[in-house]
Amino acid sequence: VQLQASGGGLVQAGDSLRLSCAASQRFSRHFAVGWFRQAPGEEREFVAAIRWSDGSTYYADSVKGRFTISRDNAKNTVYLEMNSLKPEDTAVYYCVADGRGIYSSSSYYTRCGYYGMDYWGKGTQVTVSS
């Protein structure tokens, strides 16, 4: 599976931005698709994920209530709607896919980490100015 992330850019604090992650093939119900991010000087951290089988969603505490992850089954695409952006959201955002969607939870993705996922896309830069 190839993942193509897009939608990053430079915005001001309080603005919104939508990231997209398009897959080269259809996801089976066993998969979950999500996002990690890496700020300068920091490790990559879990942001959000969605389980393909039932659309259940999972978020890091730092983005809960501001970010929304969704999917378009027909387009094999996942979206990350980011609202009320803060300067601390500045990072490179990476789309990932995991074939163990049955284990999906915020703690699972935090514990597995970016390199515990099965597929990775190139990152897209999000910069939020104050």
C-alpha atoms as a PDB file:
ATOM      1  CA  VAL A   1       0.000   0.000   0.000  1.00  0.00           C
ATOM      2  CA  GLN A   2       1.317   3.414  -0.929  1.00  0.00           C
ATOM      3  CA  LEU A   3       0.117   6.419   1.025  1.00  0.00           C
ATOM      4  CA  GLN A   4       0.165   9.957  -0.326  1.00  0.00           C
ATOM      5  CA  ALA A   5      -0.288  12.777   2.179  1.00  0.00           C
ATOM      6  CA  SER A   6      -1.178  16.308   1.121  1.00  0.00           C
ATOM      7  CA  GLY A   7      -2.748  19.498   2.378  1.00  0.00           C
ATOM      8  CA  GLY A   8      -0.075  20.977   4.596  1.00  0.00           C
ATOM      9  CA  GLY A   9       0.755  24.649   4.601  1.00  0.00           C
ATOM     10  CA  LEU A  10       1.416  27.831   6.543  1.00  0.00           C
ATOM     11  CA  VAL A  11      -1.485  29.192   8.590  1.00  0.00           C
ATOM     12  CA  GLN A  12      -2.028  31.505  11.530  1.00  0.00           C
ATOM     13  CA  ALA A  13      -3.001  30.458  15.027  1.00  0.00           C
ATOM     14  CA  GLY A  14      -6.732  29.781  15.213  1.00  0.00           C
ATOM     15  CA  ASP A  15      -6.983  28.848  11.544  1.00  0.00           C
ATOM     16  CA  SER A  16      -8.060  25.517  10.101  1.00  0.00           C
ATOM     17  CA  LEU A  17      -6.409  23.113   7.699  1.00  0.00           C
ATOM     18  CA  ARG A  18      -7.385  19.773   6.184  1.00  0.00           C
ATOM     19  CA  LEU A  19      -4.881  17.039   5.439  1.00  0.00           C
ATOM     20  CA  SER A  20      -5.594  14.175   3.061  1.00  0.00           C
ATOM     21  CA  CYS A  21      -4.093  10.703   2.861  1.00  0.00           C
ATOM     22  CA  ALA A  22      -4.833   8.818  -0.344  1.00  0.00           C
ATOM     23  CA  ALA A  23      -4.056   5.116  -0.598  1.00  0.00           C
ATOM     24  CA  SER A  24      -3.006   3.284  -3.732  1.00  0.00           C
ATOM     25  CA  GLN A  25      -5.453   0.462  -3.025  1.00  0.00           C
ATOM     26  CA  ARG A  26      -8.564  -0.328  -1.081  1.00  0.00           C
ATOM     27  CA  PHE A  27      -8.165  -0.907   2.650  1.00  0.00           C
ATOM     28  CA  SER A  28      -9.554  -4.130   4.063  1.00  0.00           C
ATOM     29  CA  ARG A  29     -11.661  -4.057   7.210  1.00  0.00           C
ATOM     30  CA  HIS A  30      -8.621  -5.212   9.207  1.00  0.00           C
ATOM     31  CA  PHE A  31      -6.865  -1.909   8.746  1.00  0.00           C
ATOM     32  CA  ALA A  32      -6.700   1.339  10.651  1.00  0.00           C
ATOM     33  CA  VAL A  33      -5.326   4.519   9.096  1.00  0.00           C
ATOM     34  CA  GLY A  34      -3.995   7.477  10.964  1.00  0.00           C
ATOM     35  CA  TRP A  35      -1.544  10.274  11.458  1.00  0.00           C
ATOM     36  CA  PHE A  36       1.638  10.818  13.397  1.00  0.00           C
ATOM     37  CA  ARG A  37       3.545  14.082  13.576  1.00  0.00           C
ATOM     38  CA  GLN A  38       7.059  15.203  14.337  1.00  0.00           C
ATOM     39  CA  ALA A  39       7.911  18.667  15.600  1.00  0.00           C
ATOM     40  CA  PRO A  40      11.478  19.991  15.339  1.00  0.00           C
ATOM     41  CA  GLY A  41      13.680  18.321  17.929  1.00  0.00           C
ATOM     42  CA  GLU A  42      10.906  15.981  19.042  1.00  0.00           C
ATOM     43  CA  GLU A  43      10.031  12.352  18.465  1.00  0.00           C
ATOM     44  CA  ARG A  44       7.182  11.358  16.193  1.00  0.00           C
ATOM     45  CA  GLU A  45       3.955  11.181  18.151  1.00  0.00           C
ATOM     46  CA  PHE A  46       0.515   9.735  17.544  1.00  0.00           C
ATOM     47  CA  VAL A  47      -2.159  12.217  16.496  1.00  0.00           C
ATOM     48  CA  ALA A  48      -5.293  10.374  15.351  1.00  0.00           C
ATOM     49  CA  ALA A  49      -6.502   7.136  13.772  1.00  0.00           C
ATOM     50  CA  ILE A  50      -9.651   5.652  12.301  1.00  0.00           C
ATOM     51  CA  ARG A  51     -10.553   1.976  12.140  1.00  0.00           C
ATOM     52  CA  TRP A  52     -11.672   1.017   8.654  1.00  0.00           C
ATOM     53  CA  SER A  53     -14.178  -1.648   9.709  1.00  0.00           C
ATOM     54  CA  ASP A  54     -16.498   0.564  11.720  1.00  0.00           C
ATOM     55  CA  GLY A  55     -15.151   4.108  11.558  1.00  0.00           C
ATOM     56  CA  SER A  56     -14.160   4.248  15.236  1.00  0.00           C
ATOM     57  CA  THR A  57     -11.807   7.138  15.880  1.00  0.00           C
ATOM     58  CA  TYR A  58      -8.947   7.685  18.305  1.00  0.00           C
ATOM     59  CA  TYR A  59      -7.101  10.864  19.250  1.00  0.00           C
ATOM     60  CA  ALA A  60      -4.167  12.068  21.233  1.00  0.00           C
ATOM     61  CA  ASP A  61      -5.223  14.186  24.195  1.00  0.00           C
ATOM     62  CA  SER A  62      -3.389  17.189  22.745  1.00  0.00           C
ATOM     63  CA  VAL A  63      -5.695  17.342  19.707  1.00  0.00           C
ATOM     64  CA  LYS A  64      -8.950  15.974  21.099  1.00  0.00           C
ATOM     65  CA  GLY A  65     -11.806  18.369  20.440  1.00  0.00           C
ATOM     66  CA  ARG A  66      -9.856  20.290  17.785  1.00  0.00           C
ATOM     67  CA  PHE A  67      -8.963  17.640  15.196  1.00  0.00           C
ATOM     68  CA  THR A  68     -11.358  15.288  13.412  1.00  0.00           C
ATOM     69  CA  ILE A  69     -10.327  12.249  11.405  1.00  0.00           C
ATOM     70  CA  SER A  70     -12.670  10.847   8.784  1.00  0.00           C
ATOM     71  CA  ARG A  71     -12.618   8.534   5.778  1.00  0.00           C
ATOM     72  CA  ASP A  72     -14.015   8.248   2.302  1.00  0.00           C
ATOM     73  CA  ASN A  73     -14.301   4.552   1.518  1.00  0.00           C
ATOM     74  CA  ALA A  74     -14.943   5.093  -2.188  1.00  0.00           C
ATOM     75  CA  LYS A  75     -11.791   7.170  -2.566  1.00  0.00           C
ATOM     76  CA  ASN A  76      -9.623   5.126  -0.170  1.00  0.00           C
ATOM     77  CA  THR A  77      -8.809   8.428   1.474  1.00  0.00           C
ATOM     78  CA  VAL A  78      -8.521   9.594   5.060  1.00  0.00           C
ATOM     79  CA  TYR A  79      -8.857  13.219   6.099  1.00  0.00           C
ATOM     80  CA  LEU A  80      -7.600  15.088   9.139  1.00  0.00           C
ATOM     81  CA  GLU A  81      -9.582  18.254   9.762  1.00  0.00           C
ATOM     82  CA  MET A  82      -7.547  20.496  12.052  1.00  0.00           C
ATOM     83  CA  ASN A  83      -9.310  23.420  13.720  1.00  0.00           C
ATOM     84  CA  SER A  84      -8.171  26.029  16.236  1.00  0.00           C
ATOM     85  CA  LEU A  85      -4.583  25.396  15.248  1.00  0.00           C
ATOM     86  CA  LYS A  86      -1.864  26.374  17.699  1.00  0.00           C
ATOM     87  CA  PRO A  87       1.835  27.091  17.135  1.00  0.00           C
ATOM     88  CA  GLU A  88       2.597  23.849  18.988  1.00  0.00           C
ATOM     89  CA  ASP A  89       0.794  21.952  16.202  1.00  0.00           C
ATOM     90  CA  THR A  90       3.665  22.902  13.905  1.00  0.00           C
ATOM     91  CA  ALA A  91       5.168  19.644  12.661  1.00  0.00           C
ATOM     92  CA  VAL A  92       5.596  17.320   9.735  1.00  0.00           C
ATOM     93  CA  TYR A  93       2.495  15.146   9.586  1.00  0.00           C
ATOM     94  CA  TYR A  94       2.817  11.539   8.413  1.00  0.00           C
ATOM     95  CA  CYS A  95       0.044   9.254   7.251  1.00  0.00           C
ATOM     96  CA  VAL A  96       0.269   5.621   8.387  1.00  0.00           C
ATOM     97  CA  ALA A  97      -1.684   2.399   7.981  1.00  0.00           C
ATOM     98  CA  ASP A  98      -1.812  -0.522  10.380  1.00  0.00           C
ATOM     99  CA  GLY A  99      -3.121  -3.991   9.582  1.00  0.00           C
ATOM    100  CA  ARG A 100      -4.101  -4.652  13.206  1.00  0.00           C
ATOM    101  CA  GLY A 101      -7.131  -2.417  13.390  1.00  0.00           C
ATOM    102  CA  ILE A 102      -8.736  -4.784  15.861  1.00  0.00           C
ATOM    103  CA  TYR A 103      -6.323  -3.464  18.531  1.00  0.00           C
ATOM    104  CA  SER A 104      -7.024   0.196  17.802  1.00  0.00           C
ATOM    105  CA  SER A 105      -6.888   2.600  20.727  1.00  0.00           C
ATOM    106  CA  SER A 106      -4.973   5.764  21.533  1.00  0.00           C
ATOM    107  CA  SER A 107      -2.738   3.865  23.941  1.00  0.00           C
ATOM    108  CA  TYR A 108      -2.060   1.169  21.340  1.00  0.00           C
ATOM    109  CA  TYR A 109      -0.773   3.681  18.800  1.00  0.00           C
ATOM    110  CA  THR A 110       1.224   5.539  21.408  1.00  0.00           C
ATOM    111  CA  ARG A 111       2.773   2.278  22.583  1.00  0.00           C
ATOM    112  CA  CYS A 112       3.538   0.942  19.086  1.00  0.00           C
ATOM    113  CA  GLY A 113       4.867   4.228  17.805  1.00  0.00           C
ATOM    114  CA  TYR A 114       5.356   5.334  14.222  1.00  0.00           C
ATOM    115  CA  TYR A 115       7.701   2.511  13.312  1.00  0.00           C
ATOM    116  CA  GLY A 116       5.266  -0.062  14.674  1.00  0.00           C
ATOM    117  CA  MET A 117       2.867   0.672  11.820  1.00  0.00           C
ATOM    118  CA  ASP A 118       2.806  -1.354   8.595  1.00  0.00           C
ATOM    119  CA  TYR A 119       2.806   1.378   5.954  1.00  0.00           C
ATOM    120  CA  TRP A 120       4.039   4.967   5.911  1.00  0.00           C
ATOM    121  CA  GLY A 121       3.625   7.909   3.597  1.00  0.00           C
ATOM    122  CA  LYS A 122       5.865  10.896   3.069  1.00  0.00           C
ATOM    123  CA  GLY A 123       5.180  13.761   5.407  1.00  0.00           C
ATOM    124  CA  THR A 124       3.450  17.051   4.796  1.00  0.00           C
ATOM    125  CA  GLN A 125       4.571  20.188   6.625  1.00  0.00           C
ATOM    126  CA  VAL A 126       2.129  22.136   8.775  1.00  0.00           C
ATOM    127  CA  THR A 127       3.357  25.453  10.135  1.00  0.00           C
ATOM    128  CA  VAL A 128       1.236  27.530  12.491  1.00  0.00           C
ATOM    129  CA  SER A 129       2.398  31.066  13.158  1.00  0.00           C
ATOM    130  CA  SER A 130       1.478  32.972  16.304  1.00  0.00           C
END
